[in-house]
Amino acid sequence: MAKENSKTYLFESMPIPKAVMQLSLPVVASSLVTVVYNLADTFFVGMLNDPVQNAAVTLAYPVMLAFNAVNNLFGVGTSSMMSRSLGSGDHEKVRLCSAFGFYGAVFSGLIFSLLCTVFQNPLLRLLGADAETWDATYGYMLWTVFCGAMPAILNVVQGHMVRSEGAALHASIGTMSGCILNIILDPIFIMPWGLNMGAAGAGLATFLSNCFACSYFLVLSRVKRGSTFVCMDIRKLRHVTRDVAMGVFGVGVPASIQNLLNVLGSTILNNFTAAYGATAVAAMGVAQKLNMIPMQIAFGFSQGLMPMVSYNYASGNRQRMKNSILFALSVTVPTMALVSVGYFFGAPTLVRLFMDNPEIVSYGSQFLKVMCLGTTFMMIDFTVVGVFQSLGMGKNALIFAILRKVVLEIPLLFLMNAVYPLFGLPYASLITEIVLAAAAAVMLRRILRANQ
């Protein structure tokens, strides 16, 4: 009973600013730590002063994005369904959803690794690896993808499930523990004074840290077995109904497609950039990693807000749901605007932190100045897509994903590269975010009016 009362207070009675921050800030913190550990790969590989090694990490990035397709399928889909089931009081459905999501992530991760291993040669060519970057890219992907897809996917999905019932802090601790270990291991495995493995060492550090994070969540589930609705009992799979599966997939499949489209866009961007050499690829990689910081802040707030929106939507408290969304936007949009200003004026210094190469600093700072201008608009986009997912409106989220990549960003990559070779590429994302922010504002207004 204490377990149910504590969750009820958080979702139903706690002051909205405190509840939103309690749910969102740990997610933002873990997202930022995740960025730091992604930047650690770039930072320590960059210290080798070898553009080929840094390009390897960049070229493998679309495959790492592809993990998010599975993460969203079983993570976002399951957590949305779990929070809505909590709001409606159906606790057995919460347990069934979590078991379905957990084992779906395990099996999908293993299949992902198998397919990438079997088709590794065409995959590397598709990513833009050539004779110069092939060995380094393979070395990085050996650990992160061929061996590491399952733990990388599972630890994120477990975090989503734990967060869905309001335990955002535990979810963040699990994620951050793996990230911190990765940061510690990176220099040991990468640098000449350590194991001198280069990009492959970064991959091995990532693999071990993801395994550690998975272990944390498994231990947590045993320790909290009597005080959590998260269930990893494989016997529950026999009782999973069509309603449960469709509830998960109804949100998860559109979210998964959204990330697959992100992979496509990133692959096209890398292939365009690769035509200008390893230095341009390395510079684009540094700019992308730096831009991940505001991106993960936006993502963290949208994901942290989701359980609050889902629960109150399902329980019928639409005014609390509406106020939570508006409060989150009132905090995050101005924050993103300040971050954009700092990034724009500090771009050369930020890029130089990772690779003190004049050509890379010149390229990277120009890329980053354009990318950072879209962060405020991105915050609005992410929040509205998170609301779609929270309410089970998977089709709306899918429409936004198609609009983002198929209608806008990918065609704009071709256009901008033709009009302004190489340096026009980041403008594709900026224009896309501006258009989507306008569409998102219109959609959010309709949703709030319909749920008054």
Foldseek 3Di string as FASTA:
>chain_A
DVLLVVLCCLQPPPPLVVSLCLLQVLLLVLLLLVLVLLVLLLQLLQVVVDLLLLLLSLLCVLVVLLLQLLLLLLALLLLLQLLLCSLQPNLLLNQLSLQVSQVSLQVVQQVQLVVCVVPVVVSSVLSPDDPSNVVSNCLLCVQCRNPARSLSSNLSSLLSSCSSSPPNNLSSVLSNQLSVQLSVQQNQQPPPVHVNPRSSSSNNSNRVSSVSSNVSSVVVCVVCVPNDSNYNPNVSNVVDDPVSSCSSNLQSNLSSVLSNLVSVLSSVLLNLQCVVPSLSSSLVSLLVSVLSSLVSSLLSSLSSLLSSLLSCVSNLVLVSNLVSLVVSLVPSLVVLVVVLVVCLVCQLVSSCSRHVDVVSSVSNSLLNNLLSLLSSLSSLLSNLLSSCSSNSVNVVNNVLSCCLRVVFQVVQQVVQCVVPNSSRNSNSNNVSSVVSSVVSVVVSVVVSVVSD
